[in-house]
N, C-alpha and C. Protein backbone atom coordinates (compact mmCIF):
# COMPACT_ATOMS: atom_id res chain seq x y z
N MET A 1 -21.30 35.01 -26.59
CA MET A 1 -20.56 35.36 -25.40
C MET A 1 -21.29 36.51 -24.70
N THR A 2 -21.53 36.36 -23.41
CA THR A 2 -22.22 37.40 -22.65
C THR A 2 -21.25 38.49 -22.23
N PRO A 3 -21.74 39.73 -22.16
CA PRO A 3 -20.86 40.82 -21.72
C PRO A 3 -20.52 40.67 -20.25
N PRO A 4 -19.44 41.28 -19.81
CA PRO A 4 -19.07 41.20 -18.39
C PRO A 4 -20.16 41.78 -17.49
N LEU A 5 -20.12 41.41 -16.24
CA LEU A 5 -21.12 41.84 -15.27
C LEU A 5 -21.16 43.36 -15.15
N TYR A 6 -20.02 44.00 -15.23
CA TYR A 6 -19.98 45.47 -15.12
C TYR A 6 -20.78 46.11 -16.24
N ASP A 7 -20.69 45.61 -17.45
CA ASP A 7 -21.43 46.19 -18.58
C ASP A 7 -22.94 46.04 -18.39
N GLN A 8 -23.36 44.93 -17.78
CA GLN A 8 -24.78 44.74 -17.51
C GLN A 8 -25.28 45.77 -16.51
N PHE A 9 -24.50 46.05 -15.47
CA PHE A 9 -24.89 47.06 -14.49
C PHE A 9 -24.93 48.46 -15.11
N VAL A 10 -24.01 48.76 -15.99
CA VAL A 10 -23.99 50.06 -16.64
C VAL A 10 -25.27 50.24 -17.46
N ARG A 11 -25.72 49.19 -18.14
CA ARG A 11 -26.96 49.29 -18.91
C ARG A 11 -28.17 49.47 -18.00
N LEU A 12 -28.17 48.85 -16.83
CA LEU A 12 -29.28 49.01 -15.90
C LEU A 12 -29.33 50.42 -15.31
N ALA A 13 -28.19 51.05 -15.16
CA ALA A 13 -28.12 52.37 -14.56
C ALA A 13 -28.29 53.50 -15.57
N PHE A 14 -28.62 53.19 -16.80
CA PHE A 14 -28.78 54.20 -17.84
C PHE A 14 -29.94 55.13 -17.50
N ASP A 15 -29.72 56.41 -17.57
CA ASP A 15 -30.76 57.41 -17.28
C ASP A 15 -31.50 57.74 -18.57
N PRO A 16 -32.80 57.38 -18.66
CA PRO A 16 -33.53 57.68 -19.89
C PRO A 16 -33.90 59.15 -20.03
N GLY A 17 -33.74 59.96 -18.98
CA GLY A 17 -34.02 61.39 -19.06
C GLY A 17 -35.50 61.74 -19.06
N ILE A 18 -36.32 60.92 -18.41
CA ILE A 18 -37.75 61.17 -18.37
C ILE A 18 -38.10 61.82 -17.04
N SER A 19 -38.86 62.92 -17.11
CA SER A 19 -39.34 63.58 -15.90
C SER A 19 -40.71 64.17 -16.19
N PRO A 20 -41.54 64.33 -15.15
CA PRO A 20 -42.88 64.91 -15.37
C PRO A 20 -42.78 66.33 -15.90
N LYS A 21 -43.64 66.64 -16.87
CA LYS A 21 -43.63 67.97 -17.46
C LYS A 21 -45.05 68.53 -17.45
N GLU A 22 -45.22 69.70 -16.93
CA GLU A 22 -46.52 70.37 -16.87
C GLU A 22 -46.97 70.74 -18.27
N GLY A 23 -48.20 70.42 -18.61
CA GLY A 23 -48.78 70.82 -19.88
C GLY A 23 -48.28 70.03 -21.07
N GLY A 24 -47.80 68.83 -20.84
CA GLY A 24 -47.27 68.03 -21.95
C GLY A 24 -48.35 67.45 -22.84
N LEU A 25 -49.50 67.13 -22.28
CA LEU A 25 -50.60 66.54 -23.03
C LEU A 25 -51.86 67.39 -22.89
N PRO A 26 -52.68 67.41 -23.92
CA PRO A 26 -53.95 68.14 -23.78
C PRO A 26 -54.90 67.36 -22.87
N GLY A 27 -55.77 68.08 -22.21
CA GLY A 27 -56.76 67.43 -21.35
C GLY A 27 -56.34 67.28 -19.90
N LEU A 28 -55.20 67.85 -19.54
CA LEU A 28 -54.73 67.71 -18.16
C LEU A 28 -55.68 68.39 -17.19
N GLU A 29 -56.20 69.55 -17.54
CA GLU A 29 -57.15 70.25 -16.67
C GLU A 29 -58.44 69.47 -16.50
N VAL A 30 -58.89 68.83 -17.58
CA VAL A 30 -60.11 68.00 -17.50
C VAL A 30 -59.87 66.83 -16.56
N LEU A 31 -58.72 66.20 -16.68
CA LEU A 31 -58.39 65.08 -15.81
C LEU A 31 -58.31 65.52 -14.34
N ARG A 32 -57.72 66.68 -14.09
CA ARG A 32 -57.67 67.20 -12.72
C ARG A 32 -59.08 67.45 -12.18
N THR A 33 -59.93 68.01 -13.01
CA THR A 33 -61.31 68.27 -12.59
C THR A 33 -62.04 66.97 -12.26
N VAL A 34 -61.85 65.96 -13.08
CA VAL A 34 -62.49 64.67 -12.84
C VAL A 34 -61.98 64.05 -11.54
N VAL A 35 -60.68 64.07 -11.32
CA VAL A 35 -60.11 63.49 -10.11
C VAL A 35 -60.56 64.27 -8.87
N ASN A 36 -60.58 65.60 -8.97
CA ASN A 36 -61.06 66.41 -7.84
C ASN A 36 -62.52 66.12 -7.52
N SER A 37 -63.33 65.98 -8.55
CA SER A 37 -64.74 65.67 -8.34
C SER A 37 -64.93 64.28 -7.75
N LEU A 38 -64.15 63.32 -8.21
CA LEU A 38 -64.20 61.97 -7.66
C LEU A 38 -63.78 61.96 -6.20
N ASN A 39 -62.74 62.73 -5.87
CA ASN A 39 -62.28 62.83 -4.48
C ASN A 39 -63.38 63.42 -3.60
N LEU A 40 -64.03 64.48 -4.07
CA LEU A 40 -65.11 65.10 -3.31
C LEU A 40 -66.27 64.12 -3.11
N PHE A 41 -66.65 63.42 -4.17
CA PHE A 41 -67.73 62.44 -4.08
C PHE A 41 -67.39 61.37 -3.03
N CYS A 42 -66.16 60.88 -3.03
CA CYS A 42 -65.75 59.85 -2.07
C CYS A 42 -65.73 60.39 -0.64
N ILE A 43 -65.34 61.64 -0.46
CA ILE A 43 -65.35 62.24 0.88
C ILE A 43 -66.78 62.37 1.38
N VAL A 44 -67.70 62.78 0.52
CA VAL A 44 -69.12 62.87 0.92
C VAL A 44 -69.64 61.49 1.28
N ALA A 45 -69.27 60.46 0.51
CA ALA A 45 -69.69 59.10 0.83
C ALA A 45 -69.09 58.63 2.15
N ALA A 46 -67.86 59.03 2.45
CA ALA A 46 -67.24 58.66 3.73
C ALA A 46 -67.95 59.33 4.90
N VAL A 47 -68.39 60.56 4.71
CA VAL A 47 -69.16 61.24 5.75
C VAL A 47 -70.47 60.51 6.00
N GLY A 48 -71.15 60.11 4.94
CA GLY A 48 -72.38 59.34 5.08
C GLY A 48 -72.14 58.00 5.77
N ALA A 49 -71.08 57.31 5.39
CA ALA A 49 -70.75 56.03 6.02
C ALA A 49 -70.42 56.21 7.50
N LEU A 50 -69.74 57.30 7.83
CA LEU A 50 -69.42 57.56 9.22
C LEU A 50 -70.69 57.83 10.02
N ALA A 51 -71.61 58.60 9.46
CA ALA A 51 -72.86 58.89 10.15
C ALA A 51 -73.67 57.62 10.39
N VAL A 52 -73.77 56.78 9.38
CA VAL A 52 -74.51 55.51 9.54
C VAL A 52 -73.83 54.62 10.57
N SER A 53 -72.52 54.52 10.50
CA SER A 53 -71.78 53.67 11.44
C SER A 53 -71.94 54.15 12.87
N LEU A 54 -71.89 55.46 13.07
CA LEU A 54 -72.07 55.99 14.43
C LEU A 54 -73.49 55.73 14.92
N GLY A 55 -74.46 55.81 14.02
CA GLY A 55 -75.84 55.48 14.39
C GLY A 55 -76.00 54.02 14.77
N VAL A 56 -75.38 53.12 14.02
CA VAL A 56 -75.43 51.69 14.34
C VAL A 56 -74.73 51.42 15.67
N TRP A 57 -73.62 52.08 15.88
CA TRP A 57 -72.89 51.93 17.14
C TRP A 57 -73.77 52.35 18.32
N ALA A 58 -74.40 53.52 18.21
CA ALA A 58 -75.25 54.01 19.29
C ALA A 58 -76.47 53.11 19.49
N TRP A 59 -77.09 52.69 18.40
CA TRP A 59 -78.25 51.80 18.49
C TRP A 59 -77.87 50.48 19.15
N GLY A 60 -76.76 49.91 18.75
CA GLY A 60 -76.30 48.66 19.35
C GLY A 60 -75.97 48.80 20.82
N HIS A 61 -75.41 49.94 21.18
CA HIS A 61 -75.06 50.17 22.59
C HIS A 61 -76.32 50.28 23.44
N HIS A 62 -77.29 51.02 22.98
CA HIS A 62 -78.49 51.27 23.79
C HIS A 62 -79.47 50.11 23.81
N THR A 63 -79.39 49.23 22.81
CA THR A 63 -80.30 48.08 22.80
C THR A 63 -79.64 46.82 23.31
N GLY A 64 -78.37 46.87 23.61
CA GLY A 64 -77.66 45.69 24.09
C GLY A 64 -77.22 44.76 22.97
N GLY A 65 -77.27 45.23 21.75
CA GLY A 65 -76.83 44.42 20.60
C GLY A 65 -75.33 44.54 20.43
N HIS A 66 -74.62 43.61 21.02
CA HIS A 66 -73.15 43.72 21.01
C HIS A 66 -72.57 43.57 19.60
N GLN A 67 -73.20 42.74 18.78
CA GLN A 67 -72.72 42.58 17.40
C GLN A 67 -72.90 43.87 16.61
N ALA A 68 -74.06 44.51 16.75
CA ALA A 68 -74.30 45.78 16.06
C ALA A 68 -73.35 46.86 16.57
N GLU A 69 -73.11 46.86 17.86
CA GLU A 69 -72.18 47.84 18.44
C GLU A 69 -70.78 47.65 17.87
N ALA A 70 -70.33 46.40 17.80
CA ALA A 70 -68.99 46.11 17.27
C ALA A 70 -68.90 46.49 15.79
N ASN A 71 -69.96 46.18 15.02
CA ASN A 71 -69.95 46.54 13.61
C ASN A 71 -69.98 48.05 13.41
N GLY A 72 -70.69 48.77 14.26
CA GLY A 72 -70.70 50.23 14.19
C GLY A 72 -69.33 50.81 14.47
N LYS A 73 -68.64 50.24 15.46
CA LYS A 73 -67.28 50.71 15.77
C LYS A 73 -66.34 50.47 14.59
N LYS A 74 -66.41 49.27 14.01
CA LYS A 74 -65.55 48.96 12.86
C LYS A 74 -65.85 49.89 11.69
N GLY A 75 -67.13 50.12 11.44
CA GLY A 75 -67.50 51.01 10.34
C GLY A 75 -67.02 52.43 10.56
N ALA A 76 -67.10 52.89 11.82
CA ALA A 76 -66.65 54.25 12.13
C ALA A 76 -65.14 54.38 11.93
N VAL A 77 -64.40 53.38 12.35
CA VAL A 77 -62.95 53.43 12.18
C VAL A 77 -62.57 53.38 10.70
N VAL A 78 -63.24 52.51 9.94
CA VAL A 78 -62.95 52.41 8.51
C VAL A 78 -63.31 53.71 7.80
N ALA A 79 -64.48 54.28 8.10
CA ALA A 79 -64.88 55.53 7.45
C ALA A 79 -63.92 56.67 7.80
N ALA A 80 -63.49 56.72 9.05
CA ALA A 80 -62.52 57.76 9.44
C ALA A 80 -61.19 57.55 8.72
N GLY A 81 -60.76 56.30 8.57
CA GLY A 81 -59.52 56.00 7.85
C GLY A 81 -59.61 56.37 6.38
N VAL A 82 -60.76 56.10 5.78
CA VAL A 82 -60.97 56.46 4.38
C VAL A 82 -60.93 57.98 4.22
N ALA A 83 -61.58 58.70 5.12
CA ALA A 83 -61.56 60.16 5.04
C ALA A 83 -60.13 60.69 5.21
N LEU A 84 -59.38 60.09 6.12
CA LEU A 84 -57.99 60.50 6.31
C LEU A 84 -57.17 60.25 5.05
N GLY A 85 -57.34 59.09 4.45
CA GLY A 85 -56.61 58.77 3.23
C GLY A 85 -56.98 59.66 2.06
N LEU A 86 -58.27 59.94 1.92
CA LEU A 86 -58.70 60.82 0.82
C LEU A 86 -58.20 62.24 1.01
N GLY A 87 -58.23 62.72 2.24
CA GLY A 87 -57.75 64.07 2.50
C GLY A 87 -56.25 64.21 2.34
N ALA A 88 -55.53 63.14 2.63
CA ALA A 88 -54.07 63.18 2.57
C ALA A 88 -53.51 62.66 1.25
N ALA A 89 -54.37 62.24 0.32
CA ALA A 89 -53.90 61.60 -0.91
C ALA A 89 -52.93 62.47 -1.70
N ASN A 90 -53.26 63.74 -1.86
CA ASN A 90 -52.40 64.63 -2.63
C ASN A 90 -51.03 64.79 -1.96
N GLY A 91 -51.02 64.95 -0.64
CA GLY A 91 -49.76 65.09 0.08
C GLY A 91 -48.93 63.82 0.06
N ILE A 92 -49.59 62.67 0.16
CA ILE A 92 -48.87 61.40 0.13
C ILE A 92 -48.20 61.19 -1.22
N VAL A 93 -48.95 61.44 -2.30
CA VAL A 93 -48.39 61.28 -3.64
C VAL A 93 -47.26 62.28 -3.87
N ALA A 94 -47.44 63.52 -3.43
CA ALA A 94 -46.39 64.53 -3.60
C ALA A 94 -45.14 64.16 -2.81
N PHE A 95 -45.33 63.62 -1.60
CA PHE A 95 -44.19 63.23 -0.77
C PHE A 95 -43.38 62.13 -1.45
N PHE A 96 -44.07 61.07 -1.90
CA PHE A 96 -43.35 59.95 -2.50
C PHE A 96 -42.81 60.30 -3.88
N SER A 97 -43.47 61.21 -4.60
CA SER A 97 -42.93 61.66 -5.88
C SER A 97 -41.62 62.43 -5.66
N ALA A 98 -41.61 63.31 -4.65
CA ALA A 98 -40.37 64.04 -4.35
C ALA A 98 -39.29 63.11 -3.85
N LEU A 99 -39.69 62.11 -3.06
CA LEU A 99 -38.72 61.13 -2.56
C LEU A 99 -38.16 60.30 -3.72
N GLY A 100 -39.03 59.93 -4.67
CA GLY A 100 -38.58 59.16 -5.81
C GLY A 100 -37.69 59.94 -6.75
N SER A 101 -37.88 61.24 -6.83
CA SER A 101 -37.04 62.05 -7.72
C SER A 101 -35.62 62.21 -7.17
N GLN A 102 -35.42 61.89 -5.90
CA GLN A 102 -34.09 61.99 -5.31
C GLN A 102 -33.25 60.74 -5.52
N VAL A 103 -33.86 59.66 -6.00
CA VAL A 103 -33.13 58.41 -6.23
C VAL A 103 -32.22 58.60 -7.42
N ARG A 104 -30.99 58.25 -7.26
CA ARG A 104 -30.00 58.37 -8.34
C ARG A 104 -29.40 57.03 -8.64
């Protein structure tokens, strides 16, 4: 015999009492350093991609290569979007983490 529907909802709403805790595991500082270094590496790569894309855009414009010009524009927009996302990653995660902690 299955339990009533109300009992099933009560089990789904059970609070396991889990929340993020600073310093719970060893190696947290090493992980932060690795992630920070990876973020910096990706930002430097985005700067390089933006420079190349702007160069392709300018070259395509001045030589009449419409395909190269269009590809340079797309690359510049993508590189700028990547830089925006990488720069805002910490804030985005913090925002949604705080938003998620308010769910009851």
